[in-house]
C-alpha cells in the first residue's frame, strides 16, 4: 500500500466510535522506512475559514485494522491531541 492510499481512508476510533477524519500526513522513520504515526487534522474552526486548532497524532501501534475504506484505531483522544500553533 502506498502512503497516498491512506489519505482516502476515514479514521475511526473504536473506543468511542467517533470519526476522527482523514489521514493528512504520516511520520516515518527514515532509517528503517517504518511508519511511526498518522496525522489527522482536527475539526475546523468557524466555517473552515480560520484553519484548525488541533490535530491528532496517532501512533501506528494504535492502528487496529486498515480496510478498503476505513482505518480503525483504538486511542484516548486526550493523549493524541496536539495543539496547532
N, C-alpha and C. Protein backbone atom coordinates (compact mmCIF):
# COMPACT_ATOMS: atom_id res chain seq x y z
N UNK A 1 0.84 -1.18 0.00
CA UNK A 1 0.00 0.00 0.00
C UNK A 1 0.88 1.24 0.00
N UNK A 2 0.49 2.22 -0.76
CA UNK A 2 1.21 3.49 -0.81
C UNK A 2 0.67 4.43 0.26
N UNK A 3 1.52 5.36 0.66
CA UNK A 3 1.10 6.34 1.67
C UNK A 3 -0.06 7.17 1.14
N UNK A 4 -0.04 7.51 -0.14
CA UNK A 4 -1.14 8.31 -0.70
C UNK A 4 -2.48 7.56 -0.64
N UNK A 5 -2.45 6.23 -0.59
CA UNK A 5 -3.69 5.45 -0.45
C UNK A 5 -4.32 5.63 0.92
N UNK A 6 -3.51 5.94 1.93
CA UNK A 6 -4.05 6.17 3.28
C UNK A 6 -4.90 7.43 3.35
N UNK A 7 -4.63 8.40 2.49
CA UNK A 7 -5.35 9.69 2.52
C UNK A 7 -6.82 9.54 2.15
N UNK A 8 -7.17 8.48 1.46
CA UNK A 8 -8.55 8.27 1.04
C UNK A 8 -9.37 7.50 2.08
N UNK A 9 -8.75 7.15 3.19
CA UNK A 9 -9.43 6.32 4.19
C UNK A 9 -9.83 7.15 5.41
N UNK A 10 -11.03 6.91 5.89
CA UNK A 10 -11.55 7.60 7.05
C UNK A 10 -11.03 6.89 8.31
N UNK A 11 -10.63 7.66 9.32
CA UNK A 11 -10.10 7.10 10.56
C UNK A 11 -11.19 7.12 11.62
N UNK A 12 -11.46 5.96 12.23
CA UNK A 12 -12.50 5.82 13.24
C UNK A 12 -11.89 5.26 14.51
N UNK A 13 -12.22 5.91 15.64
CA UNK A 13 -11.75 5.47 16.94
C UNK A 13 -12.71 4.40 17.46
N UNK A 14 -12.20 3.20 17.74
CA UNK A 14 -13.06 2.11 18.19
C UNK A 14 -13.46 2.24 19.66
N UNK A 15 -12.77 3.08 20.42
CA UNK A 15 -13.13 3.26 21.83
C UNK A 15 -14.46 3.96 22.00
N UNK A 16 -14.71 5.00 21.18
CA UNK A 16 -15.96 5.74 21.31
C UNK A 16 -16.74 5.79 19.99
N UNK A 17 -16.27 5.09 18.98
CA UNK A 17 -16.92 5.01 17.66
C UNK A 17 -17.07 6.37 16.98
N UNK A 18 -16.15 7.29 17.25
CA UNK A 18 -16.19 8.61 16.62
C UNK A 18 -15.28 8.64 15.39
N UNK A 19 -15.72 9.40 14.40
CA UNK A 19 -14.93 9.60 13.19
C UNK A 19 -13.94 10.73 13.48
N UNK A 20 -12.65 10.45 13.31
CA UNK A 20 -11.62 11.45 13.57
C UNK A 20 -11.31 12.28 12.33
N UNK A 21 -11.50 11.72 11.16
CA UNK A 21 -11.22 12.44 9.92
C UNK A 21 -10.43 11.58 8.95
N UNK A 22 -9.72 12.23 8.05
CA UNK A 22 -8.93 11.53 7.05
C UNK A 22 -7.45 11.79 7.30
N UNK A 23 -6.61 10.84 6.94
CA UNK A 23 -5.16 10.98 7.12
C UNK A 23 -4.66 12.11 6.24
N UNK A 24 -3.94 13.06 6.85
CA UNK A 24 -3.36 14.18 6.09
C UNK A 24 -1.88 13.94 5.82
N UNK A 25 -1.20 13.26 6.74
CA UNK A 25 0.24 13.07 6.61
C UNK A 25 0.65 11.90 7.49
N UNK A 26 1.88 11.45 7.33
CA UNK A 26 2.43 10.40 8.18
C UNK A 26 3.80 10.82 8.68
N UNK A 27 4.18 10.27 9.81
CA UNK A 27 5.53 10.44 10.33
C UNK A 27 6.19 9.08 10.19
N UNK A 28 7.35 9.05 9.57
CA UNK A 28 8.02 7.75 9.42
C UNK A 28 9.49 7.86 9.75
N UNK A 29 10.07 6.71 10.11
CA UNK A 29 11.48 6.60 10.46
C UNK A 29 12.26 6.38 9.17
N UNK A 30 13.11 7.33 8.82
CA UNK A 30 13.83 7.23 7.55
C UNK A 30 14.92 6.16 7.58
N UNK A 31 15.34 5.76 8.77
CA UNK A 31 16.38 4.73 8.86
C UNK A 31 15.87 3.35 8.45
N UNK A 32 14.66 3.01 8.91
CA UNK A 32 14.15 1.68 8.57
C UNK A 32 12.89 1.72 7.70
N UNK A 33 12.39 2.92 7.39
CA UNK A 33 11.25 3.07 6.49
C UNK A 33 9.91 2.70 7.08
N UNK A 34 9.81 2.61 8.40
CA UNK A 34 8.54 2.25 9.06
C UNK A 34 7.74 3.49 9.43
N UNK A 35 6.43 3.37 9.34
CA UNK A 35 5.54 4.45 9.75
C UNK A 35 5.51 4.50 11.27
N UNK A 36 5.68 5.70 11.83
CA UNK A 36 5.65 5.89 13.27
C UNK A 36 4.27 6.37 13.72
N UNK A 37 3.67 7.30 12.96
CA UNK A 37 2.38 7.86 13.36
C UNK A 37 1.61 8.38 12.16
N UNK A 38 0.29 8.49 12.34
CA UNK A 38 -0.59 9.09 11.35
C UNK A 38 -1.01 10.46 11.87
N UNK A 39 -1.10 11.45 10.99
CA UNK A 39 -1.53 12.79 11.38
C UNK A 39 -2.88 13.05 10.73
N UNK A 40 -3.86 13.38 11.59
CA UNK A 40 -5.21 13.68 11.12
C UNK A 40 -5.59 15.08 11.59
N UNK A 41 -5.97 15.97 10.67
CA UNK A 41 -6.40 17.32 11.09
C UNK A 41 -7.65 17.24 11.94
N UNK A 42 -7.72 18.07 12.97
CA UNK A 42 -8.88 18.11 13.85
C UNK A 42 -10.02 18.88 13.20
N UNK A 43 -11.09 19.10 13.94
CA UNK A 43 -12.24 19.83 13.40
C UNK A 43 -11.88 21.26 13.03
N UNK A 44 -12.51 21.77 12.00
CA UNK A 44 -12.24 23.13 11.52
C UNK A 44 -12.86 24.16 12.44
N UNK A 45 -12.24 25.35 12.44
CA UNK A 45 -12.82 26.47 13.19
C UNK A 45 -14.02 26.99 12.41
N UNK A 46 -14.46 28.16 12.71
CA UNK A 46 -15.67 28.75 12.14
C UNK A 46 -15.73 28.58 10.62
N UNK A 47 -16.65 27.79 10.17
CA UNK A 47 -16.91 27.53 8.74
C UNK A 47 -15.67 27.09 7.97
N UNK A 48 -14.63 26.66 8.65
CA UNK A 48 -13.42 26.19 7.99
C UNK A 48 -12.52 27.27 7.44
N UNK A 49 -12.88 28.55 7.64
CA UNK A 49 -12.09 29.64 7.08
C UNK A 49 -10.84 29.97 7.91
N UNK A 50 -10.88 29.69 9.18
CA UNK A 50 -9.80 30.10 10.06
C UNK A 50 -8.83 28.97 10.40
N UNK A 51 -8.85 27.91 9.66
CA UNK A 51 -7.92 26.82 9.89
C UNK A 51 -8.41 25.87 10.98
N UNK A 52 -7.47 25.25 11.65
CA UNK A 52 -7.78 24.25 12.67
C UNK A 52 -6.99 24.52 13.93
N UNK A 53 -7.60 24.23 15.08
CA UNK A 53 -6.94 24.44 16.36
C UNK A 53 -6.08 23.26 16.76
N UNK A 54 -6.53 22.06 16.42
CA UNK A 54 -5.82 20.86 16.85
C UNK A 54 -5.59 19.90 15.69
N UNK A 55 -4.71 18.95 15.92
CA UNK A 55 -4.54 17.83 15.01
C UNK A 55 -4.33 16.59 15.87
N UNK A 56 -4.66 15.46 15.34
CA UNK A 56 -4.49 14.20 16.05
C UNK A 56 -3.25 13.51 15.51
N UNK A 57 -2.35 13.14 16.41
CA UNK A 57 -1.17 12.37 16.03
C UNK A 57 -1.33 10.98 16.65
N UNK A 58 -1.62 10.02 15.80
CA UNK A 58 -1.95 8.67 16.25
C UNK A 58 -0.75 7.75 16.03
N UNK A 59 -0.18 7.20 17.12
CA UNK A 59 0.92 6.25 16.96
C UNK A 59 0.46 5.05 16.13
N UNK A 60 1.34 4.58 15.28
CA UNK A 60 0.97 3.48 14.39
C UNK A 60 0.64 2.21 15.16
N UNK A 61 1.19 2.06 16.36
CA UNK A 61 0.89 0.87 17.17
C UNK A 61 -0.58 0.84 17.61
N UNK A 62 -1.27 1.99 17.53
CA UNK A 62 -2.69 2.07 17.90
C UNK A 62 -3.61 1.70 16.75
N UNK A 63 -3.07 1.51 15.56
CA UNK A 63 -3.88 1.13 14.41
C UNK A 63 -4.26 -0.34 14.56
N UNK A 64 -5.55 -0.61 14.58
CA UNK A 64 -6.04 -1.98 14.73
C UNK A 64 -6.21 -2.68 13.40
N UNK A 65 -6.74 -1.94 12.42
CA UNK A 65 -7.06 -2.57 11.14
C UNK A 65 -7.10 -1.50 10.05
N UNK A 66 -6.60 -1.85 8.89
CA UNK A 66 -6.71 -0.98 7.72
C UNK A 66 -7.53 -1.72 6.68
N UNK A 67 -8.73 -1.20 6.44
CA UNK A 67 -9.62 -1.83 5.49
C UNK A 67 -9.64 -1.07 4.18
N UNK A 68 -10.52 -1.45 3.25
CA UNK A 68 -10.57 -0.79 1.95
C UNK A 68 -11.06 0.66 2.03
N UNK A 69 -11.87 0.99 3.05
CA UNK A 69 -12.44 2.34 3.17
C UNK A 69 -12.09 3.06 4.46
N UNK A 70 -11.76 2.31 5.51
CA UNK A 70 -11.53 2.91 6.83
C UNK A 70 -10.26 2.37 7.49
N UNK A 71 -9.78 3.17 8.44
CA UNK A 71 -8.70 2.74 9.33
C UNK A 71 -9.27 2.78 10.73
N UNK A 72 -9.23 1.64 11.42
CA UNK A 72 -9.73 1.56 12.78
C UNK A 72 -8.56 1.72 13.75
N UNK A 73 -8.72 2.63 14.70
CA UNK A 73 -7.69 2.86 15.70
C UNK A 73 -8.33 2.80 17.08
N UNK A 74 -7.52 2.49 18.09
CA UNK A 74 -8.00 2.50 19.47
C UNK A 74 -7.11 3.45 20.26
N UNK A 75 -7.65 4.64 20.52
CA UNK A 75 -6.86 5.69 21.18
C UNK A 75 -7.73 6.45 22.19
N UNK A 76 -7.04 7.12 23.10
CA UNK A 76 -7.68 8.06 24.00
C UNK A 76 -7.46 9.45 23.41
N UNK A 77 -8.51 10.18 23.10
CA UNK A 77 -8.41 11.45 22.38
C UNK A 77 -7.48 12.42 23.08
N UNK A 78 -7.52 12.47 24.40
CA UNK A 78 -6.68 13.43 25.14
C UNK A 78 -5.19 13.16 24.92
N UNK A 79 -4.83 11.91 24.71
CA UNK A 79 -3.42 11.54 24.55
C UNK A 79 -2.89 11.83 23.15
N UNK A 80 -3.76 11.91 22.16
CA UNK A 80 -3.29 12.10 20.78
C UNK A 80 -3.49 13.51 20.26
N UNK A 81 -4.14 14.37 21.04
CA UNK A 81 -4.44 15.72 20.60
C UNK A 81 -3.20 16.59 20.69
N UNK A 82 -2.91 17.31 19.59
CA UNK A 82 -1.77 18.21 19.52
C UNK A 82 -2.29 19.58 19.11
N UNK A 83 -1.98 20.61 19.89
CA UNK A 83 -2.41 21.97 19.58
C UNK A 83 -1.61 22.52 18.40
N UNK A 84 -2.29 23.08 17.42
CA UNK A 84 -1.64 23.73 16.28
C UNK A 84 -1.31 25.17 16.68
N UNK A 85 -0.17 25.62 16.26
CA UNK A 85 0.25 26.98 16.60
C UNK A 85 0.07 27.88 15.40
